[in-house]
Amino acid sequence: MNRPTIAITMGDPSGIGPEIVMKALAQSVVHEMCRPFVVGDASRLRQAASILAIDLPVIALQSPECIDFNPRAVHCVDLNIVADSLPFGKVSAQAGEAAFRYIEKAVALVQAGAAQAICTAPLSKEALHAAGHKYPGHTELLAYLTGTPEVSMMLVSPKLRVIHVTTHIGLIDAIAKIEPALVERVIARGHDVLEKAGYTNPKIGVCAINPHAGENGLFGRGEEAEKIAPAVRRCQARGWDVRGPLPADTLFFLAGRGDFDIVVAMYHDQGHGPIKVLGLEAGVNITVGLPVIRTSVDHGTAFDIAGKGIADERSLVEAIRQAVELAPKGIIS
């Protein structure tokens, strides 16, 4: 098997990122499917290993070219940013700055060919902002670092795939931002990523904004007819199997039983809610439209349990698996 090299960012060092990274890299299955290394702080990973009682050495390196990918060790491109005294479970500018630098370094390494994909542990938006980096989240930060004008967030679980038209903005602002050209571009990105993944004429369901898809104008202010339907018609004119706008509650039920390959959600909670009901441990976040492949856990920093050794690493393992699936084929470009 040709194992791709995956750069795993440590996330916010005060959150559960260091713990789930160590727990994931202690599993032989991860090393069997890829050649992983961490971009982060080696000393923080050692602290996490101590908390978890994991007997796995952390090797600090300046460059991934020096890694021998011995599965009995964790290899870390060590940025040496945070102090050992930095507490777990608290928002801080120091941790926010570190999380930003880990992502920045990982992007540079992938662009230089040192890795084929990035897999990210969670960061804190509040900490990121406290450090002066005013990005709503990973998706927007990665778009900035790669010079990409527009990307989409796609969430994947074993039973459901969802791509979002808007993400980290308030609901009123999201409705104002939605317009036919944007909806069409998001549908196109979803269609493209599934085609490259091997789906022939993927079935795409497009959510409405209002209850019952507006009930022919009874609910809302005509958003379905004005903002969504024109994009659906244009995509259908390309010969694509696109249906909508459909009531979101019905559409997610139909997609969950296999009637659709992907759902196009109009705003953050419309798409995130169904995925998270299916289980955080199975959810993966994929940024679609970047020149680099990026997958992530679909949960936050969990400051309330950080440093306690009880964080669940299954979403990170699944995110690594998705990165492996995407990397050899170059599915997202």
C-alpha atoms as a PDB file:
ATOM      1  CA  MET A   1       0.000   0.000   0.000  1.00  0.00           C
ATOM      2  CA  ASN A   2       1.231   3.470  -0.887  1.00  0.00           C
ATOM      3  CA  ARG A   3       0.795   5.298   2.425  1.00  0.00           C
ATOM      4  CA  PRO A   4       0.371   9.076   2.075  1.00  0.00           C
ATOM      5  CA  THR A   5       2.107  11.424   4.494  1.00  0.00           C
ATOM      6  CA  ILE A   6      -0.418  13.298   6.666  1.00  0.00           C
ATOM      7  CA  ALA A   7       0.383  16.458   8.638  1.00  0.00           C
ATOM      8  CA  ILE A   8      -1.746  16.519  11.809  1.00  0.00           C
ATOM      9  CA  THR A   9      -2.054  19.894  13.494  1.00  0.00           C
ATOM     10  CA  MET A  10      -2.271  19.798  17.298  1.00  0.00           C
ATOM     11  CA  GLY A  11      -5.092  22.334  17.549  1.00  0.00           C
ATOM     12  CA  ASP A  12      -5.486  24.596  20.558  1.00  0.00           C
ATOM     13  CA  PRO A  13      -2.863  23.373  23.047  1.00  0.00           C
ATOM     14  CA  SER A  14      -5.209  24.133  25.964  1.00  0.00           C
ATOM     15  CA  GLY A  15      -7.976  21.964  24.527  1.00  0.00           C
ATOM     16  CA  ILE A  16      -8.267  18.227  23.933  1.00  0.00           C
ATOM     17  CA  GLY A  17      -6.155  18.339  20.759  1.00  0.00           C
ATOM     18  CA  PRO A  18      -2.894  17.096  22.326  1.00  0.00           C
ATOM     19  CA  GLU A  19      -4.723  14.208  24.025  1.00  0.00           C
ATOM     20  CA  ILE A  20      -6.686  12.977  21.013  1.00  0.00           C
ATOM     21  CA  VAL A  21      -3.567  13.264  18.836  1.00  0.00           C
ATOM     22  CA  MET A  22      -1.602  11.062  21.227  1.00  0.00           C
ATOM     23  CA  LYS A  23      -4.482   8.574  21.575  1.00  0.00           C
ATOM     24  CA  ALA A  24      -4.902   8.363  17.794  1.00  0.00           C
ATOM     25  CA  LEU A  25      -1.199   7.937  17.097  1.00  0.00           C
ATOM     26  CA  ALA A  26      -0.980   5.180  19.696  1.00  0.00           C
ATOM     27  CA  GLN A  27      -3.180   3.058  17.408  1.00  0.00           C
ATOM     28  CA  SER A  28      -1.432   0.792  14.923  1.00  0.00           C
ATOM     29  CA  VAL A  29      -4.264   1.188  12.405  1.00  0.00           C
ATOM     30  CA  VAL A  30      -3.312   4.845  11.881  1.00  0.00           C
ATOM     31  CA  HIS A  31       0.285   3.949  11.026  1.00  0.00           C
ATOM     32  CA  GLU A  32      -0.870   1.142   8.755  1.00  0.00           C
ATOM     33  CA  MET A  33      -2.863   3.534   6.575  1.00  0.00           C
ATOM     34  CA  CYS A  34      -0.541   6.579   6.500  1.00  0.00           C
ATOM     35  CA  ARG A  35       2.749   8.135   7.542  1.00  0.00           C
ATOM     36  CA  PRO A  36       1.642  10.672  10.152  1.00  0.00           C
ATOM     37  CA  PHE A  37       3.484  13.512  11.804  1.00  0.00           C
ATOM     38  CA  VAL A  38       2.291  16.276  14.102  1.00  0.00           C
ATOM     39  CA  VAL A  39       2.766  20.007  13.694  1.00  0.00           C
ATOM     40  CA  GLY A  40       2.657  21.422  17.200  1.00  0.00           C
ATOM     41  CA  ASP A  41       4.582  21.552  20.463  1.00  0.00           C
ATOM     42  CA  ALA A  42       6.457  18.404  21.427  1.00  0.00           C
ATOM     43  CA  SER A  43       6.445  19.298  25.122  1.00  0.00           C
ATOM     44  CA  ARG A  44       2.654  19.597  25.107  1.00  0.00           C
ATOM     45  CA  LEU A  45       2.308  16.199  23.475  1.00  0.00           C
ATOM     46  CA  ARG A  46       4.556  14.745  26.175  1.00  0.00           C
ATOM     47  CA  GLN A  47       2.311  16.296  28.830  1.00  0.00           C
ATOM     48  CA  ALA A  48      -0.694  14.680  27.154  1.00  0.00           C
ATOM     49  CA  ALA A  49       1.079  11.316  27.016  1.00  0.00           C
ATOM     50  CA  SER A  50       1.745  11.580  30.750  1.00  0.00           C
ATOM     51  CA  ILE A  51      -1.909  12.413  31.486  1.00  0.00           C
ATOM     52  CA  LEU A  52      -3.014   9.443  29.379  1.00  0.00           C
ATOM     53  CA  ALA A  53      -0.304   7.077  30.681  1.00  0.00           C
ATOM     54  CA  ILE A  54       0.706   6.371  27.075  1.00  0.00           C
ATOM     55  CA  ASP A  55       4.244   5.028  26.832  1.00  0.00           C
ATOM     56  CA  LEU A  56       5.021   6.533  23.442  1.00  0.00           C
ATOM     57  CA  PRO A  57       8.053   8.801  22.955  1.00  0.00           C
ATOM     58  CA  VAL A  58       7.596  12.154  21.232  1.00  0.00           C
ATOM     59  CA  ILE A  59      10.459  13.005  18.893  1.00  0.00           C
ATOM     60  CA  ALA A  60      10.899  16.723  18.257  1.00  0.00           C
ATOM     61  CA  LEU A  61      12.102  17.624  14.775  1.00  0.00           C
ATOM     62  CA  GLN A  62      12.586  20.780  12.772  1.00  0.00           C
ATOM     63  CA  SER A  63      11.540  19.260   9.462  1.00  0.00           C
ATOM     64  CA  PRO A  64       9.528  16.215   8.331  1.00  0.00           C
ATOM     65  CA  GLU A  65      12.329  15.205   5.961  1.00  0.00           C
ATOM     66  CA  CYS A  66      14.133  13.764   9.017  1.00  0.00           C
ATOM     67  CA  ILE A  67      11.292  11.423  10.027  1.00  0.00           C
ATOM     68  CA  ASP A  68      11.774   7.666   9.785  1.00  0.00           C
ATOM     69  CA  PHE A  69       8.039   7.086  10.509  1.00  0.00           C
ATOM     70  CA  ASN A  70       8.679   4.518  13.201  1.00  0.00           C
ATOM     71  CA  PRO A  71       5.174   3.606  14.474  1.00  0.00           C
ATOM     72  CA  ARG A  72       6.522   3.228  18.004  1.00  0.00           C
ATOM     73  CA  ALA A  73       7.015   7.004  18.311  1.00  0.00           C
ATOM     74  CA  VAL A  74       5.185  10.253  17.662  1.00  0.00           C
ATOM     75  CA  HIS A  75       7.096  12.574  15.355  1.00  0.00           C
ATOM     76  CA  CYS A  76       6.471  16.287  15.876  1.00  0.00           C
ATOM     77  CA  VAL A  77       7.598  19.237  13.790  1.00  0.00           C
ATOM     78  CA  ASP A  78       8.141  21.232  16.957  1.00  0.00           C
ATOM     79  CA  LEU A  79       7.297  24.940  16.860  1.00  0.00           C
ATOM     80  CA  ASN A  80       8.032  25.249  20.600  1.00  0.00           C
ATOM     81  CA  ILE A  81       5.535  28.052  21.209  1.00  0.00           C
ATOM     82  CA  VAL A  82       3.669  27.365  24.445  1.00  0.00           C
ATOM     83  CA  ALA A  83       5.035  27.312  27.972  1.00  0.00           C
ATOM     84  CA  ASP A  84       4.821  24.105  29.994  1.00  0.00           C
ATOM     85  CA  SER A  85       2.831  26.083  32.571  1.00  0.00           C
ATOM     86  CA  LEU A  86       0.015  26.874  30.119  1.00  0.00           C
ATOM     87  CA  PRO A  87      -3.113  25.448  31.770  1.00  0.00           C
ATOM     88  CA  PHE A  88      -5.505  23.065  30.090  1.00  0.00           C
ATOM     89  CA  GLY A  89      -9.126  24.116  29.763  1.00  0.00           C
ATOM     90  CA  LYS A  90      -8.678  27.908  29.541  1.00  0.00           C
ATOM     91  CA  VAL A  91      -8.898  30.321  26.637  1.00  0.00           C
ATOM     92  CA  SER A  92      -5.660  32.230  26.071  1.00  0.00           C
ATOM     93  CA  ALA A  93      -4.025  34.370  23.416  1.00  0.00           C
ATOM     94  CA  GLN A  94      -0.865  32.243  23.712  1.00  0.00           C
ATOM     95  CA  ALA A  95      -2.803  29.106  22.792  1.00  0.00           C
ATOM     96  CA  GLY A  96      -4.630  30.927  19.988  1.00  0.00           C
ATOM     97  CA  GLU A  97      -1.344  32.121  18.509  1.00  0.00           C
ATOM     98  CA  ALA A  98       0.076  28.605  18.701  1.00  0.00           C
ATOM     99  CA  ALA A  99      -2.957  27.099  16.954  1.00  0.00           C
ATOM    100  CA  PHE A 100      -2.615  29.661  14.161  1.00  0.00           C
ATOM    101  CA  ARG A 101       1.108  28.926  13.719  1.00  0.00           C
ATOM    102  CA  TYR A 102       0.517  25.162  13.559  1.00  0.00           C
ATOM    103  CA  ILE A 103      -1.942  25.624  10.679  1.00  0.00           C
ATOM    104  CA  GLU A 104       0.313  28.107   8.919  1.00  0.00           C
ATOM    105  CA  LYS A 105       3.262  25.694   9.099  1.00  0.00           C
ATOM    106  CA  ALA A 106       1.203  22.694   7.966  1.00  0.00           C
ATOM    107  CA  VAL A 107      -0.075  24.567   4.909  1.00  0.00           C
ATOM    108  CA  ALA A 108       3.486  25.529   3.977  1.00  0.00           C
ATOM    109  CA  LEU A 109       4.664  21.925   4.360  1.00  0.00           C
ATOM    110  CA  VAL A 110       1.888  20.520   2.172  1.00  0.00           C
ATOM    111  CA  GLN A 111       2.437  23.202  -0.456  1.00  0.00           C
ATOM    112  CA  ALA A 112       6.148  22.287  -0.441  1.00  0.00           C
ATOM    113  CA  GLY A 113       5.307  18.615  -1.008  1.00  0.00           C
ATOM    114  CA  ALA A 114       6.364  17.375   2.433  1.00  0.00           C
ATOM    115  CA  ALA A 115       2.875  15.945   3.061  1.00  0.00           C
ATOM    116  CA  GLN A 116      -0.143  15.105   0.931  1.00  0.00           C
ATOM    117  CA  ALA A 117      -2.887  16.301   3.300  1.00  0.00           C
ATOM    118  CA  ILE A 118      -3.630  18.166   6.509  1.00  0.00           C
ATOM    119  CA  CYS A 119      -5.764  16.757   9.322  1.00  0.00           C
ATOM    120  CA  THR A 120      -6.643  19.286  12.011  1.00  0.00           C
ATOM    121  CA  ALA A 121      -7.410  18.916  15.710  1.00  0.00           C
ATOM    122  CA  PRO A 122      -9.847  21.558  17.040  1.00  0.00           C
ATOM    123  CA  LEU A 123      -8.966  25.168  17.740  1.00  0.00           C
ATOM    124  CA  SER A 124     -10.777  27.812  19.786  1.00  0.00           C
ATOM    125  CA  LYS A 125     -12.201  30.721  17.795  1.00  0.00           C
ATOM    126  CA  GLU A 126     -12.145  32.839  20.952  1.00  0.00           C
ATOM    127  CA  ALA A 127      -8.463  32.109  21.540  1.00  0.00           C
ATOM    128  CA  LEU A 128      -7.681  32.703  17.875  1.00  0.00           C
ATOM    129  CA  HIS A 129      -9.344  36.121  18.081  1.00  0.00           C
ATOM    130  CA  ALA A 130      -7.569  36.916  21.367  1.00  0.00           C
ATOM    131  CA  ALA A 131      -4.284  36.375  19.507  1.00  0.00           C
ATOM    132  CA  GLY A 132      -5.340  38.886  16.858  1.00  0.00           C
ATOM    133  CA  HIS A 133      -6.307  36.419  14.121  1.00  0.00           C
ATOM    134  CA  LYS A 134      -9.866  37.421  13.260  1.00  0.00           C
ATOM    135  CA  TYR A 135     -11.067  34.350  11.395  1.00  0.00           C
ATOM    136  CA  PRO A 136     -14.385  32.617  12.120  1.00  0.00           C
ATOM    137  CA  GLY A 137     -12.710  29.210  12.063  1.00  0.00           C
ATOM    138  CA  HIS A 138     -10.391  26.748  10.332  1.00  0.00           C
ATOM    139  CA  THR A 139     -12.233  26.945   7.008  1.00  0.00           C
ATOM    140  CA  GLU A 140     -11.805  30.680   6.571  1.00  0.00           C
ATOM    141  CA  LEU A 141      -8.243  30.623   7.928  1.00  0.00           C
ATOM    142  CA  LEU A 142      -7.202  27.945   5.447  1.00  0.00           C
ATOM    143  CA  ALA A 143      -8.810  29.890   2.608  1.00  0.00           C
ATOM    144  CA  TYR A 144      -6.736  32.936   3.601  1.00  0.00           C
ATOM    145  CA  LEU A 145      -3.474  30.997   3.947  1.00  0.00           C
ATOM    146  CA  THR A 146      -3.876  29.355   0.544  1.00  0.00           C
ATOM    147  CA  GLY A 147      -5.164  32.460  -1.255  1.00  0.00           C
ATOM    148  CA  THR A 148      -8.461  30.750  -2.070  1.00  0.00           C
ATOM    149  CA  PRO A 149     -11.323  33.213  -2.650  1.00  0.00           C
ATOM    150  CA  GLU A 150     -14.137  30.827  -1.741  1.00  0.00           C
ATOM    151  CA  VAL A 151     -14.384  27.394  -0.142  1.00  0.00           C
ATOM    152  CA  SER A 152     -17.170  25.236   1.258  1.00  0.00           C
ATOM    153  CA  MET A 153     -17.464  23.196   4.428  1.00  0.00           C
ATOM    154  CA  MET A 154     -18.529  19.584   3.949  1.00  0.00           C
ATOM    155  CA  LEU A 155     -19.424  17.314   6.863  1.00  0.00           C
ATOM    156  CA  VAL A 156     -19.267  13.565   6.385  1.00  0.00           C
ATOM    157  CA  SER A 157     -20.641  10.750   8.524  1.00  0.00           C
ATOM    158  CA  PRO A 158     -21.227   7.087   7.616  1.00  0.00           C
ATOM    159  CA  LYS A 159     -24.853   7.834   6.644  1.00  0.00           C
ATOM    160  CA  LEU A 160     -24.833  11.460   5.530  1.00  0.00           C
ATOM    161  CA  ARG A 161     -22.855  14.094   3.639  1.00  0.00           C
ATOM    162  CA  VAL A 162     -23.674  17.791   3.953  1.00  0.00           C
ATOM    163  CA  ILE A 163     -22.124  20.788   2.176  1.00  0.00           C
ATOM    164  CA  HIS A 164     -22.917  24.295   3.430  1.00  0.00           C
ATOM    165  CA  VAL A 165     -23.807  27.456   1.523  1.00  0.00           C
ATOM    166  CA  THR A 166     -23.018  29.617   4.595  1.00  0.00           C
ATOM    167  CA  THR A 167     -21.270  28.668   7.818  1.00  0.00           C
ATOM    168  CA  HIS A 168     -19.949  30.884  10.603  1.00  0.00           C
ATOM    169  CA  ILE A 169     -22.275  33.869  10.399  1.00  0.00           C
ATOM    170  CA  GLY A 170     -25.524  34.725  12.163  1.00  0.00           C
ATOM    171  CA  LEU A 171     -28.785  33.439  10.741  1.00  0.00           C
ATOM    172  CA  ILE A 172     -30.070  36.836   9.603  1.00  0.00           C
ATOM    173  CA  ASP A 173     -26.743  37.536   7.861  1.00  0.00           C
ATOM    174  CA  ALA A 174     -26.748  34.053   6.337  1.00  0.00           C
ATOM    175  CA  ILE A 175     -30.160  34.556   4.737  1.00  0.00           C
ATOM    176  CA  ALA A 176     -29.016  37.902   3.364  1.00  0.00           C
ATOM    177  CA  LYS A 177     -25.860  36.337   1.914  1.00  0.00           C
ATOM    178  CA  ILE A 178     -27.610  33.450   0.153  1.00  0.00           C
ATOM    179  CA  GLU A 179     -28.143  34.181  -3.547  1.00  0.00           C
ATOM    180  CA  PRO A 180     -28.481  32.019  -6.675  1.00  0.00           C
ATOM    181  CA  ALA A 181     -24.884  32.268  -7.908  1.00  0.00           C
ATOM    182  CA  LEU A 182     -23.489  31.272  -4.487  1.00  0.00           C
ATOM    183  CA  VAL A 183     -25.908  28.360  -4.187  1.00  0.00           C
ATOM    184  CA  GLU A 184     -24.952  27.184  -7.678  1.00  0.00           C
ATOM    185  CA  ARG A 185     -21.219  27.315  -6.871  1.00  0.00           C
ATOM    186  CA  VAL A 186     -21.723  25.265  -3.708  1.00  0.00           C
ATOM    187  CA  ILE A 187     -23.818  22.674  -5.550  1.00  0.00           C
ATOM    188  CA  ALA A 188     -21.062  22.493  -8.172  1.00  0.00           C
ATOM    189  CA  ARG A 189     -18.372  21.944  -5.526  1.00  0.00           C
ATOM    190  CA  GLY A 190     -20.413  19.147  -3.973  1.00  0.00           C
ATOM    191  CA  HIS A 191     -21.004  17.557  -7.381  1.00  0.00           C
ATOM    192  CA  ASP A 192     -17.314  17.812  -8.234  1.00  0.00           C
ATOM    193  CA  VAL A 193     -16.022  16.245  -5.019  1.00  0.00           C
ATOM    194  CA  LEU A 194     -18.411  13.291  -5.337  1.00  0.00           C
ATOM    195  CA  GLU A 195     -17.579  12.719  -9.000  1.00  0.00           C
ATOM    196  CA  LYS A 196     -13.880  12.644  -8.159  1.00  0.00           C
ATOM    197  CA  ALA A 197     -14.678  10.191  -5.373  1.00  0.00           C
ATOM    198  CA  GLY A 198     -16.181   7.839  -7.938  1.00  0.00           C
ATOM    199  CA  TYR A 199     -19.899   8.665  -7.859  1.00  0.00           C
ATOM    200  CA  THR A 200     -21.587   8.616 -11.269  1.00  0.00           C
ATOM    201  CA  ASN A 201     -24.149  11.423 -11.562  1.00  0.00           C
ATOM    202  CA  PRO A 202     -24.427  11.966  -7.792  1.00  0.00           C
ATOM    203  CA  LYS A 203     -27.880  12.637  -6.348  1.00  0.00           C
ATOM    204  CA  ILE A 204     -27.959  16.081  -4.730  1.00  0.00           C
ATOM    205  CA  GLY A 205     -30.735  17.384  -2.483  1.00  0.00           C
ATOM    206  CA  VAL A 206     -30.950  21.132  -1.811  1.00  0.00           C
ATOM    207  CA  CYS A 207     -32.482  22.423   1.416  1.00  0.00           C
ATOM    208  CA  ALA A 208     -35.025  25.207   1.581  1.00  0.00           C
ATOM    209  CA  ILE A 209     -34.618  28.035   4.081  1.00  0.00           C
ATOM    210  CA  ASN A 210     -38.169  28.207   5.434  1.00  0.00           C
ATOM    211  CA  PRO A 211     -40.392  25.490   6.963  1.00  0.00           C
ATOM    212  CA  HIS A 212     -42.083  23.303   4.346  1.00  0.00           C
ATOM    213  CA  ALA A 213     -39.926  25.005   1.673  1.00  0.00           C
ATOM    214  CA  GLY A 214     -42.023  28.144   2.107  1.00  0.00           C
ATOM    215  CA  GLU A 215     -45.315  26.372   1.327  1.00  0.00           C
ATOM    216  CA  ASN A 216     -45.653  28.289  -1.970  1.00  0.00           C
ATOM    217  CA  GLY A 217     -45.058  31.635  -0.308  1.00  0.00           C
ATOM    218  CA  LEU A 218     -47.043  31.104   2.905  1.00  0.00           C
ATOM    219  CA  PHE A 219     -43.877  31.076   5.044  1.00  0.00           C
ATOM    220  CA  GLY A 220     -40.996  33.488   4.656  1.00  0.00           C
ATOM    221  CA  ARG A 221     -40.587  36.178   2.044  1.00  0.00           C
ATOM    222  CA  GLY A 222     -40.168  34.160  -1.114  1.00  0.00           C
ATOM    223  CA  GLU A 223     -36.572  33.145  -0.395  1.00  0.00           C
ATOM    224  CA  GLU A 224     -36.932  29.721  -2.020  1.00  0.00           C
ATOM    225  CA  ALA A 225     -38.133  31.125  -5.345  1.00  0.00           C
ATOM    226  CA  GLU A 226     -35.704  34.040  -5.317  1.00  0.00           C
ATOM    227  CA  LYS A 227     -32.489  32.602  -3.866  1.00  0.00           C
ATOM    228  CA  ILE A 228     -32.453  28.820  -4.375  1.00  0.00           C
ATOM    229  CA  ALA A 229     -34.712  27.643  -7.213  1.00  0.00           C
ATOM    230  CA  PRO A 230     -32.793  29.506  -9.989  1.00  0.00           C
ATOM    231  CA  ALA A 231     -29.549  27.776  -8.953  1.00  0.00           C
ATOM    232  CA  VAL A 232     -31.242  24.367  -8.923  1.00  0.00           C
ATOM    233  CA  ARG A 233     -32.627  24.952 -12.423  1.00  0.00           C
ATOM    234  CA  ARG A 234     -29.211  25.987 -13.768  1.00  0.00           C
ATOM    235  CA  CYS A 235     -27.589  22.873 -12.309  1.00  0.00           C
ATOM    236  CA  GLN A 236     -30.334  20.669 -13.728  1.00  0.00           C
ATOM    237  CA  ALA A 237     -29.670  22.276 -17.117  1.00  0.00           C
ATOM    238  CA  ARG A 238     -26.112  20.857 -16.869  1.00  0.00           C
ATOM    239  CA  GLY A 239     -27.644  17.380 -16.721  1.00  0.00           C
ATOM    240  CA  TRP A 240     -27.046  16.953 -12.987  1.00  0.00           C
ATOM    241  CA  ASP A 241     -29.428  15.102 -10.659  1.00  0.00           C
ATOM    242  CA  VAL A 242     -30.263  18.029  -8.388  1.00  0.00           C
ATOM    243  CA  ARG A 243     -33.585  18.398  -6.571  1.00  0.00           C
ATOM    244  CA  GLY A 244     -34.920  21.228  -4.447  1.00  0.00           C
ATOM    245  CA  PRO A 245     -35.499  23.417  -2.683  1.00  0.00           C
ATOM    246  CA  LEU A 246     -36.902  20.723  -0.385  1.00  0.00           C
ATOM    247  CA  PRO A 247     -38.074  20.970   3.243  1.00  0.00           C
ATOM    248  CA  ALA A 248     -34.965  20.354   5.331  1.00  0.00           C
ATOM    249  CA  ASP A 249     -36.603  17.984   7.807  1.00  0.00           C
ATOM    250  CA  THR A 250     -37.841  15.694   5.027  1.00  0.00           C
ATOM    251  CA  LEU A 251     -34.663  15.972   2.991  1.00  0.00           C
ATOM    252  CA  PHE A 252     -32.394  14.854   5.818  1.00  0.00           C
ATOM    253  CA  PHE A 253     -34.633  11.848   6.460  1.00  0.00           C
ATOM    254  CA  LEU A 254     -34.490  10.893   2.774  1.00  0.00           C
ATOM    255  CA  ALA A 255     -30.722  11.406   2.604  1.00  0.00           C
ATOM    256  CA  GLY A 256     -30.218   9.349   5.753  1.00  0.00           C
ATOM    257  CA  ARG A 257     -31.927   6.372   4.144  1.00  0.00           C
ATOM    258  CA  GLY A 258     -29.836   6.723   0.973  1.00  0.00           C
ATOM    259  CA  ASP A 259     -32.045   8.661  -1.474  1.00  0.00           C
ATOM    260  CA  PHE A 260     -29.419  11.407  -1.847  1.00  0.00           C
ATOM    261  CA  ASP A 261     -25.617  11.284  -1.934  1.00  0.00           C
ATOM    262  CA  ILE A 262     -25.209  14.780  -0.501  1.00  0.00           C
ATOM    263  CA  VAL A 263     -27.380  17.501   1.031  1.00  0.00           C
ATOM    264  CA  VAL A 264     -26.791  21.206   0.377  1.00  0.00           C
ATOM    265  CA  ALA A 265     -27.570  23.057   3.620  1.00  0.00           C
ATOM    266  CA  MET A 266     -28.235  26.784   3.610  1.00  0.00           C
ATOM    267  CA  TYR A 267     -26.784  27.678   7.012  1.00  0.00           C
ATOM    268  CA  HIS A 268     -24.588  26.310   9.806  1.00  0.00           C
ATOM    269  CA  ASP A 269     -27.038  24.675  12.211  1.00  0.00           C
ATOM    270  CA  GLN A 270     -29.262  23.341   9.443  1.00  0.00           C
ATOM    271  CA  GLY A 271     -26.387  21.122   8.304  1.00  0.00           C
ATOM    272  CA  HIS A 272     -24.511  20.533  11.546  1.00  0.00           C
ATOM    273  CA  GLY A 273     -27.489  19.399  13.612  1.00  0.00           C
ATOM    274  CA  PRO A 274     -28.306  16.195  11.691  1.00  0.00           C
ATOM    275  CA  ILE A 275     -24.640  15.202  11.427  1.00  0.00           C
ATOM    276  CA  LYS A 276     -24.048  15.634  15.155  1.00  0.00           C
ATOM    277  CA  VAL A 277     -27.190  13.721  16.067  1.00  0.00           C
ATOM    278  CA  LEU A 278     -25.617  10.765  14.249  1.00  0.00           C
ATOM    279  CA  GLY A 279     -22.610  10.964  16.583  1.00  0.00           C
ATOM    280  CA  LEU A 280     -19.620  13.277  17.051  1.00  0.00           C
ATOM    281  CA  GLU A 281     -17.266  10.313  17.055  1.00  0.00           C
ATOM    282  CA  ALA A 282     -18.137   9.552  13.418  1.00  0.00           C
ATOM    283  CA  GLY A 283     -18.246  13.081  11.985  1.00  0.00           C
ATOM    284  CA  VAL A 284     -15.513  14.535   9.785  1.00  0.00           C
ATOM    285  CA  ASN A 285     -15.162  18.084   8.470  1.00  0.00           C
ATOM    286  CA  ILE A 286     -13.686  18.488   4.963  1.00  0.00           C
ATOM    287  CA  THR A 287     -12.865  21.838   3.375  1.00  0.00           C
ATOM    288  CA  VAL A 288     -13.845  21.691  -0.305  1.00  0.00           C
ATOM    289  CA  GLY A 289     -12.238  23.992  -2.846  1.00  0.00           C
ATOM    290  CA  LEU A 290      -8.755  24.398  -1.336  1.00  0.00           C
ATOM    291  CA  PRO A 291      -5.572  23.655  -3.300  1.00  0.00           C
ATOM    292  CA  VAL A 292      -4.589  21.382  -0.376  1.00  0.00           C
ATOM    293  CA  ILE A 293      -6.538  18.496   1.131  1.00  0.00           C
ATOM    294  CA  ARG A 294      -7.829  19.192   4.624  1.00  0.00           C
ATOM    295  CA  THR A 295      -9.951  17.090   6.941  1.00  0.00           C
ATOM    296  CA  SER A 296     -10.823  17.685  10.572  1.00  0.00           C
ATOM    297  CA  VAL A 297     -12.663  16.407  13.578  1.00  0.00           C
ATOM    298  CA  ASP A 298     -16.251  17.622  13.795  1.00  0.00           C
ATOM    299  CA  HIS A 299     -16.109  18.787  17.402  1.00  0.00           C
ATOM    300  CA  GLY A 300     -14.609  21.581  19.443  1.00  0.00           C
ATOM    301  CA  THR A 301     -11.818  22.007  21.948  1.00  0.00           C
ATOM    302  CA  ALA A 302     -13.912  20.637  24.865  1.00  0.00           C
ATOM    303  CA  PHE A 303     -12.175  22.840  27.432  1.00  0.00           C
ATOM    304  CA  ASP A 304     -14.404  21.329  30.138  1.00  0.00           C
ATOM    305  CA  ILE A 305     -12.663  17.949  29.862  1.00  0.00           C
ATOM    306  CA  ALA A 306      -9.239  19.037  28.539  1.00  0.00           C
ATOM    307  CA  GLY A 307      -6.347  17.646  30.543  1.00  0.00           C
ATOM    308  CA  LYS A 308      -8.489  14.942  32.168  1.00  0.00           C
ATOM    309  CA  GLY A 309      -7.509  12.091  29.851  1.00  0.00           C
ATOM    310  CA  ILE A 310     -11.074  11.210  28.840  1.00  0.00           C
ATOM    311  CA  ALA A 311     -11.359  12.816  25.373  1.00  0.00           C
ATOM    312  CA  ASP A 312     -12.624  10.572  22.563  1.00  0.00           C
ATOM    313  CA  GLU A 313     -10.186  10.242  19.652  1.00  0.00           C
ATOM    314  CA  ARG A 314     -12.498   8.398  17.252  1.00  0.00           C
ATOM    315  CA  SER A 315     -13.422  11.465  15.183  1.00  0.00           C
ATOM    316  CA  LEU A 316      -9.728  12.253  14.694  1.00  0.00           C
ATOM    317  CA  VAL A 317      -8.997   8.681  13.590  1.00  0.00           C
ATOM    318  CA  GLU A 318     -11.869   8.910  11.117  1.00  0.00           C
ATOM    319  CA  ALA A 319     -10.624  12.307   9.898  1.00  0.00           C
ATOM    320  CA  ILE A 320      -7.185  10.790   9.274  1.00  0.00           C
ATOM    321  CA  ARG A 321      -8.850   7.954   7.394  1.00  0.00           C
ATOM    322  CA  GLN A 322     -10.738  10.441   5.203  1.00  0.00           C
ATOM    323  CA  ALA A 323      -7.489  12.329   4.527  1.00  0.00           C
ATOM    324  CA  VAL A 324      -5.885   9.074   3.433  1.00  0.00           C
ATOM    325  CA  GLU A 325      -8.813   8.345   1.114  1.00  0.00           C
ATOM    326  CA  LEU A 326      -8.593  11.771  -0.468  1.00  0.00           C
ATOM    327  CA  ALA A 327      -4.834  12.214  -0.640  1.00  0.00           C
ATOM    328  CA  PRO A 328      -3.765   9.501  -3.106  1.00  0.00           C
ATOM    329  CA  LYS A 329      -6.474  10.399  -5.594  1.00  0.00           C
ATOM    330  CA  GLY A 330      -6.174  14.170  -5.210  1.00  0.00           C
ATOM    331  CA  ILE A 331      -9.938  14.361  -4.890  1.00  0.00           C
ATOM    332  CA  ILE A 332     -10.187  17.907  -3.557  1.00  0.00           C
ATOM    333  CA  SER A 333      -8.415  20.477  -5.675  1.00  0.00           C
END
